[in-house]
N, C-alpha and C. Protein backbone atom coordinates (compact mmCIF):
# COMPACT_ATOMS: atom_id res chain seq x y z
N MET A 1 48.05 64.78 12.09
CA MET A 1 47.12 64.32 11.05
C MET A 1 46.75 65.48 10.14
N ASN A 2 46.76 65.24 8.85
CA ASN A 2 46.33 66.22 7.87
C ASN A 2 45.55 65.51 6.77
N VAL A 3 45.00 66.28 5.84
CA VAL A 3 44.12 65.72 4.83
C VAL A 3 44.85 64.72 3.92
N PHE A 4 46.14 64.95 3.66
CA PHE A 4 46.89 64.03 2.80
C PHE A 4 47.13 62.69 3.49
N ARG A 5 47.47 62.75 4.78
CA ARG A 5 47.67 61.53 5.55
C ARG A 5 46.37 60.74 5.66
N LEU A 6 45.27 61.43 5.95
CA LEU A 6 43.98 60.77 6.07
C LEU A 6 43.55 60.15 4.75
N ALA A 7 43.74 60.90 3.65
CA ALA A 7 43.38 60.37 2.33
C ALA A 7 44.23 59.15 2.00
N GLY A 8 45.52 59.21 2.33
CA GLY A 8 46.40 58.07 2.09
C GLY A 8 45.96 56.84 2.85
N ASP A 9 45.61 57.02 4.13
CA ASP A 9 45.16 55.90 4.95
C ASP A 9 43.88 55.29 4.39
N MET A 10 42.93 56.14 4.00
CA MET A 10 41.66 55.64 3.49
C MET A 10 41.82 54.92 2.15
N ILE A 11 42.70 55.44 1.30
CA ILE A 11 42.96 54.78 0.01
C ILE A 11 43.66 53.44 0.24
N HIS A 12 44.59 53.41 1.20
CA HIS A 12 45.26 52.16 1.54
C HIS A 12 44.26 51.14 2.04
N LEU A 13 43.36 51.59 2.91
CA LEU A 13 42.33 50.71 3.45
C LEU A 13 41.41 50.21 2.34
N LEU A 14 41.09 51.10 1.40
CA LEU A 14 40.24 50.72 0.27
C LEU A 14 40.90 49.65 -0.58
N SER A 15 42.20 49.77 -0.79
CA SER A 15 42.91 48.78 -1.61
C SER A 15 42.84 47.40 -0.96
N ILE A 16 42.98 47.35 0.36
CA ILE A 16 42.91 46.08 1.07
C ILE A 16 41.50 45.50 1.00
N LEU A 17 40.49 46.36 1.16
CA LEU A 17 39.10 45.91 1.08
C LEU A 17 38.78 45.36 -0.30
N LEU A 18 39.32 45.98 -1.34
CA LEU A 18 39.11 45.48 -2.70
C LEU A 18 39.71 44.10 -2.89
N LEU A 19 40.90 43.89 -2.33
CA LEU A 19 41.54 42.58 -2.44
C LEU A 19 40.76 41.52 -1.66
N LEU A 20 40.32 41.88 -0.46
CA LEU A 20 39.51 40.94 0.33
C LEU A 20 38.20 40.63 -0.39
N LEU A 21 37.60 41.65 -1.01
CA LEU A 21 36.36 41.44 -1.77
C LEU A 21 36.59 40.46 -2.91
N LYS A 22 37.69 40.64 -3.63
CA LYS A 22 37.99 39.73 -4.73
C LYS A 22 38.12 38.29 -4.23
N ILE A 23 38.87 38.11 -3.15
CA ILE A 23 39.14 36.77 -2.65
C ILE A 23 37.88 36.10 -2.10
N TYR A 24 37.13 36.84 -1.28
CA TYR A 24 35.98 36.23 -0.63
C TYR A 24 34.75 36.15 -1.53
N ALA A 25 34.59 37.09 -2.46
CA ALA A 25 33.42 37.07 -3.34
C ALA A 25 33.59 36.07 -4.47
N THR A 26 34.80 35.97 -5.01
CA THR A 26 35.03 35.08 -6.15
C THR A 26 35.63 33.74 -5.73
N LYS A 27 36.06 33.65 -4.46
CA LYS A 27 36.75 32.44 -3.97
C LYS A 27 37.95 32.12 -4.85
N SER A 28 38.64 33.20 -5.26
CA SER A 28 39.79 33.04 -6.15
C SER A 28 40.85 34.06 -5.80
N CYS A 29 42.10 33.65 -5.93
CA CYS A 29 43.22 34.58 -5.75
C CYS A 29 44.06 34.66 -7.02
N SER A 30 43.45 34.28 -8.14
CA SER A 30 44.14 34.34 -9.42
C SER A 30 44.58 35.76 -9.72
N GLY A 31 45.82 35.92 -10.13
CA GLY A 31 46.34 37.23 -10.45
C GLY A 31 46.92 37.97 -9.26
N VAL A 32 46.85 37.36 -8.08
CA VAL A 32 47.37 37.98 -6.86
C VAL A 32 48.66 37.26 -6.44
N SER A 33 49.68 38.03 -6.17
CA SER A 33 50.95 37.44 -5.74
C SER A 33 50.94 37.16 -4.24
N ARG A 34 51.04 35.89 -3.90
CA ARG A 34 51.12 35.53 -2.48
C ARG A 34 52.41 36.04 -1.87
N LYS A 35 53.44 36.11 -2.66
CA LYS A 35 54.73 36.59 -2.14
C LYS A 35 54.65 38.06 -1.76
N THR A 36 53.97 38.86 -2.55
CA THR A 36 53.77 40.26 -2.18
C THR A 36 52.96 40.36 -0.90
N GLN A 37 51.93 39.54 -0.76
CA GLN A 37 51.09 39.58 0.45
C GLN A 37 51.89 39.14 1.68
N GLU A 38 52.77 38.18 1.52
CA GLU A 38 53.61 37.76 2.64
C GLU A 38 54.60 38.85 3.03
N LEU A 39 55.10 39.56 2.02
CA LEU A 39 56.00 40.67 2.31
C LEU A 39 55.28 41.78 3.07
N TYR A 40 54.04 42.06 2.69
CA TYR A 40 53.28 43.08 3.41
C TYR A 40 52.99 42.65 4.85
N ALA A 41 52.74 41.38 5.06
CA ALA A 41 52.54 40.88 6.42
C ALA A 41 53.79 41.11 7.26
N ILE A 42 54.95 40.84 6.68
CA ILE A 42 56.22 41.08 7.37
C ILE A 42 56.39 42.58 7.64
N VAL A 43 56.05 43.40 6.65
CA VAL A 43 56.16 44.86 6.78
C VAL A 43 55.37 45.36 7.98
N PHE A 44 54.10 44.97 8.08
CA PHE A 44 53.24 45.50 9.14
C PHE A 44 53.62 44.97 10.51
N ILE A 45 54.01 43.71 10.59
CA ILE A 45 54.42 43.16 11.88
C ILE A 45 55.70 43.84 12.36
N ALA A 46 56.66 44.03 11.46
CA ALA A 46 57.92 44.68 11.83
C ALA A 46 57.71 46.14 12.21
N ARG A 47 56.83 46.82 11.50
CA ARG A 47 56.61 48.25 11.74
C ARG A 47 55.86 48.51 13.03
N TYR A 48 54.95 47.62 13.37
CA TYR A 48 54.08 47.88 14.51
C TYR A 48 54.44 47.04 15.73
N LEU A 49 55.73 46.86 15.96
CA LEU A 49 56.18 46.18 17.17
C LEU A 49 55.78 46.96 18.42
N ASP A 50 55.49 48.26 18.22
CA ASP A 50 55.11 49.11 19.36
C ASP A 50 53.62 49.06 19.68
N LEU A 51 52.90 48.15 19.05
CA LEU A 51 51.45 48.09 19.21
C LEU A 51 51.03 47.99 20.67
N PHE A 52 51.77 47.21 21.45
CA PHE A 52 51.39 46.98 22.85
C PHE A 52 52.21 47.81 23.83
N THR A 53 53.08 48.67 23.31
CA THR A 53 53.93 49.46 24.22
C THR A 53 53.70 50.96 24.10
N ASP A 54 53.36 51.44 22.90
CA ASP A 54 53.17 52.87 22.69
C ASP A 54 51.76 53.15 22.20
N PHE A 55 51.03 53.98 22.91
CA PHE A 55 49.68 54.36 22.50
C PHE A 55 49.69 55.81 22.03
N ILE A 56 49.28 56.02 20.78
CA ILE A 56 49.22 57.37 20.21
C ILE A 56 47.78 57.86 20.17
N SER A 57 46.90 57.03 19.61
CA SER A 57 45.48 57.37 19.54
C SER A 57 44.69 56.11 19.21
N VAL A 58 43.39 56.17 19.41
CA VAL A 58 42.53 55.04 19.06
C VAL A 58 42.59 54.77 17.56
N TYR A 59 42.59 55.85 16.77
CA TYR A 59 42.66 55.73 15.32
C TYR A 59 43.95 55.01 14.91
N ASN A 60 45.07 55.43 15.48
CA ASN A 60 46.36 54.86 15.15
C ASN A 60 46.40 53.37 15.48
N THR A 61 45.94 53.03 16.68
CA THR A 61 45.93 51.63 17.11
C THR A 61 45.01 50.79 16.23
N PHE A 62 43.85 51.35 15.90
CA PHE A 62 42.89 50.64 15.06
C PHE A 62 43.49 50.32 13.69
N MET A 63 44.15 51.29 13.08
CA MET A 63 44.73 51.09 11.76
C MET A 63 45.85 50.05 11.80
N LYS A 64 46.64 50.07 12.86
CA LYS A 64 47.70 49.08 13.01
C LYS A 64 47.12 47.66 13.06
N VAL A 65 46.08 47.49 13.86
CA VAL A 65 45.44 46.17 14.00
C VAL A 65 44.83 45.73 12.68
N VAL A 66 44.18 46.65 11.97
CA VAL A 66 43.54 46.33 10.70
C VAL A 66 44.59 45.88 9.67
N PHE A 67 45.69 46.60 9.57
CA PHE A 67 46.71 46.25 8.58
C PHE A 67 47.36 44.90 8.88
N ILE A 68 47.65 44.65 10.15
CA ILE A 68 48.26 43.36 10.50
C ILE A 68 47.27 42.22 10.28
N ALA A 69 46.06 42.38 10.78
CA ALA A 69 45.05 41.31 10.70
C ALA A 69 44.67 41.02 9.25
N SER A 70 44.46 42.05 8.45
CA SER A 70 44.05 41.85 7.06
C SER A 70 45.15 41.18 6.24
N SER A 71 46.40 41.58 6.45
CA SER A 71 47.49 40.98 5.69
C SER A 71 47.66 39.50 6.05
N LEU A 72 47.54 39.18 7.34
CA LEU A 72 47.63 37.78 7.76
C LEU A 72 46.44 36.96 7.24
N ALA A 73 45.25 37.57 7.21
CA ALA A 73 44.06 36.88 6.71
C ALA A 73 44.20 36.55 5.23
N ILE A 74 44.76 37.49 4.46
CA ILE A 74 44.95 37.26 3.02
C ILE A 74 45.95 36.14 2.79
N VAL A 75 47.06 36.17 3.51
CA VAL A 75 48.07 35.11 3.37
C VAL A 75 47.48 33.77 3.77
N TRP A 76 46.70 33.74 4.84
CA TRP A 76 46.09 32.48 5.29
C TRP A 76 45.18 31.91 4.22
N CYS A 77 44.34 32.77 3.63
CA CYS A 77 43.43 32.31 2.57
C CYS A 77 44.18 31.74 1.39
N MET A 78 45.25 32.41 0.98
CA MET A 78 45.99 31.97 -0.19
C MET A 78 46.77 30.69 0.07
N ARG A 79 47.10 30.44 1.32
CA ARG A 79 47.87 29.25 1.66
C ARG A 79 47.00 28.07 2.08
N PHE A 80 45.91 28.36 2.82
CA PHE A 80 45.20 27.26 3.48
C PHE A 80 43.72 27.12 3.14
N HIS A 81 43.08 28.15 2.57
CA HIS A 81 41.66 28.03 2.26
C HIS A 81 41.48 26.96 1.19
N ALA A 82 40.59 26.03 1.45
CA ALA A 82 40.44 24.85 0.59
C ALA A 82 40.13 25.21 -0.86
N VAL A 83 39.37 26.26 -1.09
CA VAL A 83 38.99 26.63 -2.45
C VAL A 83 39.92 27.69 -3.02
N VAL A 84 40.18 28.73 -2.26
CA VAL A 84 40.97 29.86 -2.74
C VAL A 84 42.36 29.44 -3.19
N ARG A 85 43.02 28.59 -2.41
CA ARG A 85 44.41 28.26 -2.72
C ARG A 85 44.57 27.52 -4.05
N ARG A 86 43.49 26.91 -4.55
CA ARG A 86 43.57 26.18 -5.82
C ARG A 86 43.79 27.12 -7.00
N SER A 87 43.38 28.37 -6.86
CA SER A 87 43.49 29.32 -7.97
C SER A 87 44.80 30.10 -7.94
N TYR A 88 45.66 29.82 -6.99
CA TYR A 88 46.92 30.54 -6.86
C TYR A 88 47.83 30.26 -8.05
N ASP A 89 48.35 31.32 -8.68
CA ASP A 89 49.21 31.19 -9.86
C ASP A 89 50.65 30.89 -9.45
N ARG A 90 50.88 29.68 -8.99
CA ARG A 90 52.19 29.31 -8.49
C ARG A 90 53.28 29.39 -9.56
N GLU A 91 52.93 29.03 -10.80
CA GLU A 91 53.93 29.03 -11.86
C GLU A 91 54.35 30.44 -12.26
N LEU A 92 53.49 31.43 -12.03
CA LEU A 92 53.81 32.81 -12.40
C LEU A 92 54.41 33.59 -11.24
N ASP A 93 54.14 33.16 -10.02
CA ASP A 93 54.60 33.88 -8.84
C ASP A 93 55.92 33.28 -8.34
N THR A 94 56.97 33.54 -9.09
CA THR A 94 58.26 32.89 -8.80
C THR A 94 59.36 33.88 -8.42
N PHE A 95 58.99 35.12 -8.13
CA PHE A 95 59.97 36.13 -7.77
C PHE A 95 60.72 35.71 -6.50
N ARG A 96 62.03 35.82 -6.50
CA ARG A 96 62.83 35.40 -5.34
C ARG A 96 62.86 36.52 -4.30
N TYR A 97 61.79 36.57 -3.54
CA TYR A 97 61.61 37.70 -2.64
C TYR A 97 62.47 37.67 -1.39
N PHE A 98 63.15 36.57 -1.13
CA PHE A 98 64.04 36.51 0.03
C PHE A 98 65.19 37.51 -0.11
N PHE A 99 65.56 37.79 -1.37
CA PHE A 99 66.61 38.79 -1.60
C PHE A 99 66.14 40.18 -1.17
N LEU A 100 64.86 40.45 -1.38
CA LEU A 100 64.30 41.74 -0.97
C LEU A 100 64.32 41.87 0.55
N VAL A 101 63.98 40.79 1.24
CA VAL A 101 63.97 40.80 2.71
C VAL A 101 65.39 41.00 3.24
N GLY A 102 66.35 40.24 2.70
CA GLY A 102 67.73 40.34 3.16
C GLY A 102 68.34 41.70 2.90
N ALA A 103 68.12 42.24 1.69
CA ALA A 103 68.68 43.54 1.34
C ALA A 103 68.06 44.65 2.18
N SER A 104 66.76 44.56 2.43
CA SER A 104 66.07 45.58 3.23
C SER A 104 66.57 45.57 4.67
N PHE A 105 66.79 44.39 5.22
CA PHE A 105 67.26 44.30 6.60
C PHE A 105 68.70 44.80 6.72
N ALA A 106 69.51 44.45 5.74
CA ALA A 106 70.91 44.91 5.75
C ALA A 106 70.97 46.43 5.66
N LEU A 107 70.12 47.00 4.81
CA LEU A 107 70.09 48.46 4.67
C LEU A 107 69.60 49.11 5.96
N ALA A 108 68.65 48.47 6.64
CA ALA A 108 68.13 49.01 7.90
C ALA A 108 69.20 49.03 8.99
N LEU A 109 70.08 48.06 8.97
CA LEU A 109 71.17 48.03 9.95
C LEU A 109 72.16 49.16 9.72
N ILE A 110 72.25 49.61 8.45
CA ILE A 110 73.20 50.66 8.11
C ILE A 110 72.57 52.05 8.24
N TRP A 111 71.35 52.19 7.75
CA TRP A 111 70.70 53.50 7.69
C TRP A 111 69.38 53.47 8.46
N HIS A 112 69.36 54.08 9.61
CA HIS A 112 68.18 54.13 10.48
C HIS A 112 68.22 55.43 11.27
N GLU A 113 67.10 55.78 11.86
CA GLU A 113 67.04 57.03 12.62
C GLU A 113 67.70 56.90 14.00
N LYS A 114 67.61 55.70 14.57
CA LYS A 114 68.19 55.45 15.89
C LYS A 114 68.50 53.98 16.00
N PHE A 115 69.67 53.65 16.57
CA PHE A 115 70.04 52.24 16.66
C PHE A 115 69.37 51.60 17.88
N SER A 116 68.18 51.10 17.64
CA SER A 116 67.44 50.33 18.64
C SER A 116 66.65 49.28 17.89
N VAL A 117 66.22 48.25 18.59
CA VAL A 117 65.48 47.16 17.93
C VAL A 117 64.26 47.70 17.20
N GLN A 118 63.49 48.53 17.87
CA GLN A 118 62.26 49.05 17.29
C GLN A 118 62.52 49.92 16.06
N GLU A 119 63.52 50.79 16.14
CA GLU A 119 63.81 51.70 15.03
C GLU A 119 64.45 50.98 13.85
N VAL A 120 65.28 49.98 14.12
CA VAL A 120 65.87 49.21 13.02
C VAL A 120 64.79 48.43 12.28
N PHE A 121 63.87 47.82 13.03
CA PHE A 121 62.78 47.09 12.38
C PHE A 121 61.82 48.03 11.66
N ARG A 122 61.67 49.23 12.19
CA ARG A 122 60.83 50.21 11.51
C ARG A 122 61.46 50.61 10.17
N ALA A 123 62.76 50.87 10.18
CA ALA A 123 63.45 51.20 8.94
C ALA A 123 63.38 50.02 7.96
N PHE A 124 63.56 48.81 8.49
CA PHE A 124 63.46 47.60 7.67
C PHE A 124 62.10 47.52 6.99
N SER A 125 61.03 47.82 7.74
CA SER A 125 59.68 47.74 7.19
C SER A 125 59.47 48.78 6.09
N ILE A 126 60.07 49.95 6.25
CA ILE A 126 59.93 51.01 5.24
C ILE A 126 60.64 50.62 3.96
N TYR A 127 61.86 50.11 4.08
CA TYR A 127 62.60 49.68 2.89
C TYR A 127 61.90 48.52 2.20
N LEU A 128 61.41 47.58 2.99
CA LEU A 128 60.76 46.40 2.40
C LEU A 128 59.44 46.78 1.72
N GLU A 129 58.70 47.69 2.33
CA GLU A 129 57.44 48.11 1.71
C GLU A 129 57.68 48.76 0.35
N ALA A 130 58.80 49.47 0.22
CA ALA A 130 59.10 50.17 -1.04
C ALA A 130 59.20 49.20 -2.21
N VAL A 131 59.62 47.95 -1.94
CA VAL A 131 59.83 46.99 -3.03
C VAL A 131 58.90 45.79 -2.95
N ALA A 132 58.00 45.77 -1.97
CA ALA A 132 57.13 44.61 -1.77
C ALA A 132 56.18 44.36 -2.93
N ILE A 133 55.90 45.38 -3.71
CA ILE A 133 54.97 45.24 -4.84
C ILE A 133 55.62 44.54 -6.04
N LEU A 134 56.94 44.41 -6.04
CA LEU A 134 57.63 43.85 -7.21
C LEU A 134 57.12 42.46 -7.62
N PRO A 135 56.97 41.50 -6.70
CA PRO A 135 56.44 40.20 -7.13
C PRO A 135 55.06 40.31 -7.79
N GLN A 136 54.22 41.23 -7.27
CA GLN A 136 52.89 41.41 -7.85
C GLN A 136 52.98 41.98 -9.27
N LEU A 137 53.82 42.96 -9.46
CA LEU A 137 53.96 43.56 -10.79
C LEU A 137 54.53 42.57 -11.79
N VAL A 138 55.49 41.77 -11.35
CA VAL A 138 56.07 40.75 -12.23
C VAL A 138 55.02 39.71 -12.61
N LEU A 139 54.22 39.29 -11.65
CA LEU A 139 53.16 38.31 -11.93
C LEU A 139 52.17 38.86 -12.95
N LEU A 140 51.76 40.12 -12.79
CA LEU A 140 50.80 40.71 -13.72
C LEU A 140 51.38 40.84 -15.12
N GLN A 141 52.68 41.16 -15.21
CA GLN A 141 53.31 41.26 -16.52
C GLN A 141 53.39 39.90 -17.19
N ARG A 142 53.63 38.87 -16.41
CA ARG A 142 53.72 37.52 -16.98
C ARG A 142 52.35 37.01 -17.44
N SER A 143 51.31 37.37 -16.69
CA SER A 143 49.97 36.90 -17.05
C SER A 143 49.36 37.73 -18.17
N GLY A 144 49.78 38.99 -18.29
CA GLY A 144 49.26 39.85 -19.36
C GLY A 144 47.96 40.52 -19.00
N ASN A 145 46.88 39.75 -18.94
CA ASN A 145 45.57 40.30 -18.63
C ASN A 145 45.42 40.49 -17.12
N VAL A 146 44.74 41.58 -16.74
CA VAL A 146 44.53 41.91 -15.33
C VAL A 146 43.04 42.07 -15.09
N ASP A 147 42.47 41.30 -14.16
CA ASP A 147 41.04 41.45 -13.89
C ASP A 147 40.79 42.77 -13.17
N ASN A 148 39.54 43.19 -13.19
CA ASN A 148 39.17 44.53 -12.73
C ASN A 148 39.53 44.77 -11.27
N LEU A 149 39.18 43.86 -10.38
CA LEU A 149 39.42 44.06 -8.95
C LEU A 149 40.91 44.06 -8.63
N THR A 150 41.67 43.19 -9.27
CA THR A 150 43.11 43.16 -9.03
C THR A 150 43.76 44.45 -9.53
N GLY A 151 43.32 44.92 -10.69
CA GLY A 151 43.85 46.17 -11.23
C GLY A 151 43.56 47.35 -10.32
N GLN A 152 42.35 47.41 -9.78
CA GLN A 152 41.99 48.50 -8.87
C GLN A 152 42.77 48.40 -7.57
N TYR A 153 42.97 47.18 -7.09
CA TYR A 153 43.75 46.97 -5.87
C TYR A 153 45.16 47.54 -6.03
N VAL A 154 45.83 47.19 -7.11
CA VAL A 154 47.20 47.66 -7.34
C VAL A 154 47.22 49.17 -7.54
N PHE A 155 46.23 49.70 -8.27
CA PHE A 155 46.18 51.14 -8.51
C PHE A 155 46.05 51.92 -7.19
N PHE A 156 45.12 51.52 -6.34
CA PHE A 156 44.92 52.23 -5.08
C PHE A 156 46.10 52.03 -4.13
N LEU A 157 46.75 50.88 -4.22
CA LEU A 157 47.93 50.64 -3.39
C LEU A 157 49.04 51.61 -3.75
N GLY A 158 49.19 51.89 -5.05
CA GLY A 158 50.17 52.87 -5.47
C GLY A 158 49.75 54.30 -5.16
N ALA A 159 48.46 54.58 -5.30
CA ALA A 159 47.95 55.93 -5.05
C ALA A 159 48.09 56.33 -3.59
N TYR A 160 47.92 55.36 -2.69
CA TYR A 160 48.04 55.67 -1.26
C TYR A 160 49.43 56.22 -0.93
N ARG A 161 50.44 55.63 -1.53
CA ARG A 161 51.80 56.07 -1.23
C ARG A 161 52.07 57.46 -1.80
N ALA A 162 51.45 57.76 -2.94
CA ALA A 162 51.60 59.09 -3.53
C ALA A 162 51.04 60.15 -2.58
N PHE A 163 49.92 59.85 -1.93
CA PHE A 163 49.34 60.79 -0.97
C PHE A 163 50.23 60.93 0.26
N TYR A 164 50.92 59.86 0.62
CA TYR A 164 51.83 59.95 1.77
C TYR A 164 53.02 60.86 1.45
N ILE A 165 53.46 60.87 0.20
CA ILE A 165 54.53 61.78 -0.19
C ILE A 165 54.06 63.23 -0.03
N LEU A 166 52.82 63.50 -0.43
CA LEU A 166 52.25 64.84 -0.24
C LEU A 166 52.15 65.17 1.24
N ASN A 167 51.84 64.16 2.06
CA ASN A 167 51.77 64.35 3.50
C ASN A 167 53.13 64.75 4.07
N TRP A 168 54.18 64.08 3.62
CA TRP A 168 55.53 64.40 4.11
C TRP A 168 55.96 65.80 3.65
N ILE A 169 55.64 66.16 2.41
CA ILE A 169 55.98 67.49 1.92
C ILE A 169 55.25 68.56 2.74
N TYR A 170 53.98 68.33 2.99
CA TYR A 170 53.18 69.27 3.78
C TYR A 170 53.75 69.43 5.19
N ARG A 171 54.11 68.32 5.81
CA ARG A 171 54.65 68.38 7.18
C ARG A 171 56.03 69.03 7.20
N TYR A 172 56.81 68.80 6.16
CA TYR A 172 58.13 69.43 6.09
C TYR A 172 58.01 70.95 6.00
N LEU A 173 56.97 71.41 5.28
CA LEU A 173 56.78 72.84 5.09
C LEU A 173 56.11 73.52 6.29
N THR A 174 55.38 72.74 7.09
CA THR A 174 54.59 73.35 8.16
C THR A 174 55.06 73.02 9.57
N GLU A 175 55.92 71.99 9.72
CA GLU A 175 56.37 71.60 11.04
C GLU A 175 57.88 71.84 11.19
N PRO A 176 58.29 72.50 12.25
CA PRO A 176 59.72 72.71 12.46
C PRO A 176 60.44 71.40 12.77
N ARG A 177 61.62 71.25 12.23
CA ARG A 177 62.46 70.08 12.50
C ARG A 177 61.81 68.76 12.09
N PHE A 178 60.95 68.79 11.10
CA PHE A 178 60.36 67.53 10.61
C PHE A 178 61.28 66.90 9.59
N THR A 179 61.75 65.71 9.88
CA THR A 179 62.61 64.97 8.94
C THR A 179 62.14 63.52 8.85
N ARG A 180 61.83 63.10 7.66
CA ARG A 180 61.45 61.72 7.41
C ARG A 180 62.12 61.28 6.11
N TRP A 181 63.46 61.43 6.08
CA TRP A 181 64.17 61.16 4.83
C TRP A 181 64.09 59.70 4.42
N ILE A 182 64.16 58.81 5.38
CA ILE A 182 64.09 57.38 5.05
C ILE A 182 62.74 57.06 4.41
N ALA A 183 61.67 57.49 5.07
CA ALA A 183 60.34 57.23 4.55
C ALA A 183 60.10 57.97 3.24
N GLY A 184 60.59 59.21 3.15
CA GLY A 184 60.37 60.00 1.95
C GLY A 184 61.03 59.42 0.72
N ILE A 185 62.31 59.09 0.83
CA ILE A 185 63.04 58.51 -0.31
C ILE A 185 62.46 57.15 -0.69
N SER A 186 62.16 56.33 0.32
CA SER A 186 61.57 55.02 0.05
C SER A 186 60.21 55.16 -0.61
N GLY A 187 59.44 56.15 -0.18
CA GLY A 187 58.13 56.39 -0.77
C GLY A 187 58.21 56.80 -2.23
N VAL A 188 59.20 57.61 -2.56
CA VAL A 188 59.41 58.01 -3.96
C VAL A 188 59.78 56.80 -4.81
N VAL A 189 60.68 55.95 -4.28
CA VAL A 189 61.07 54.73 -5.00
C VAL A 189 59.86 53.83 -5.20
N GLN A 190 59.07 53.66 -4.14
CA GLN A 190 57.89 52.81 -4.21
C GLN A 190 56.89 53.31 -5.25
N THR A 191 56.62 54.61 -5.25
CA THR A 191 55.68 55.18 -6.21
C THR A 191 56.20 55.06 -7.63
N ALA A 192 57.51 55.23 -7.81
CA ALA A 192 58.11 55.14 -9.13
C ALA A 192 57.95 53.74 -9.73
N LEU A 193 57.96 52.72 -8.88
CA LEU A 193 57.80 51.35 -9.37
C LEU A 193 56.43 51.13 -10.01
N TYR A 194 55.47 51.97 -9.63
CA TYR A 194 54.12 51.84 -10.18
C TYR A 194 53.96 52.60 -11.50
N ALA A 195 54.96 53.37 -11.92
CA ALA A 195 54.80 54.27 -13.07
C ALA A 195 54.30 53.54 -14.30
N ASP A 196 54.90 52.41 -14.63
CA ASP A 196 54.50 51.65 -15.81
C ASP A 196 53.07 51.16 -15.69
N PHE A 197 52.73 50.64 -14.50
CA PHE A 197 51.37 50.16 -14.27
C PHE A 197 50.37 51.30 -14.38
N PHE A 198 50.68 52.45 -13.76
CA PHE A 198 49.79 53.61 -13.83
C PHE A 198 49.52 54.01 -15.28
N TYR A 199 50.55 53.97 -16.10
CA TYR A 199 50.40 54.36 -17.51
C TYR A 199 49.38 53.47 -18.21
N TYR A 200 49.54 52.16 -18.08
CA TYR A 200 48.63 51.24 -18.76
C TYR A 200 47.24 51.25 -18.12
N TYR A 201 47.17 51.52 -16.83
CA TYR A 201 45.88 51.65 -16.16
C TYR A 201 45.13 52.85 -16.72
N PHE A 202 45.83 53.97 -16.91
CA PHE A 202 45.22 55.17 -17.47
C PHE A 202 44.76 54.94 -18.90
N ILE A 203 45.59 54.28 -19.70
CA ILE A 203 45.22 53.98 -21.09
C ILE A 203 43.97 53.10 -21.11
N SER A 204 43.91 52.11 -20.23
CA SER A 204 42.75 51.23 -20.16
C SER A 204 41.50 52.00 -19.77
N TRP A 205 41.64 52.89 -18.77
CA TRP A 205 40.49 53.70 -18.33
C TRP A 205 40.04 54.66 -19.43
N LYS A 206 41.00 55.28 -20.11
CA LYS A 206 40.69 56.24 -21.16
C LYS A 206 39.96 55.58 -22.32
N ASN A 207 40.38 54.37 -22.70
CA ASN A 207 39.79 53.67 -23.84
C ASN A 207 38.64 52.76 -23.44
N ASN A 208 38.34 52.73 -22.12
CA ASN A 208 37.27 51.86 -21.62
C ASN A 208 37.49 50.42 -22.06
N SER A 209 38.71 49.95 -21.89
CA SER A 209 39.06 48.60 -22.34
C SER A 209 39.68 47.83 -21.17
N LYS A 210 39.84 46.52 -21.37
CA LYS A 210 40.41 45.67 -20.32
C LYS A 210 41.88 46.01 -20.14
N LEU A 211 42.31 46.04 -18.89
CA LEU A 211 43.70 46.35 -18.58
C LEU A 211 44.61 45.21 -19.00
N LYS A 212 45.61 45.54 -19.82
CA LYS A 212 46.59 44.55 -20.26
C LYS A 212 47.98 45.15 -20.09
N LEU A 213 48.89 44.34 -19.58
CA LEU A 213 50.28 44.77 -19.41
C LEU A 213 51.17 44.03 -20.39
N PRO A 214 52.18 44.69 -20.94
CA PRO A 214 53.10 44.00 -21.85
C PRO A 214 53.88 42.92 -21.12
N ALA A 215 54.08 41.78 -21.76
CA ALA A 215 54.80 40.68 -21.14
C ALA A 215 56.27 41.02 -21.02
């Protein structure tokens, strides 16, 4: 554990709390991609198959449970909550995300740290997380206007991964034989996908204006 990893975890947790706040406070999921949330649920379940077999620390176990539970809770609300599901932008959230799942799993079968069920699914989760934000970004571009809480959620979601890249660089420089090439390359790809959003978020913050993305 180092300051970059801790900061990344806290920012990731903050992004999830912001999304939950939006959904439960406004009883609306407008502007939120259910497909991205379903992809994240798949990511966390696949990554944390070791939840009941490997114990690292109380902190580690707690974060695993929080990420799985929160992602499933968000998907449940968007699918089944009597009020929330009415605001779902079904016409805008049409990204064919099954291709992302299939491509990520195929890549995991080819490129992984160790050929075992747990490690293949871990690699799969890393590849899938790198592109899971795509349906959300496409939805925001189609809608144009982005409400404040949704914009902050996406911003912090991208910022958390940037801190994880710093964490990997720090560990590479300070720990002997540290290699996380799969996670590192995927993290760079994931952060790069946010570049356009970050630009318009910064312009909005600088001009104190509502966040708008080009269609």
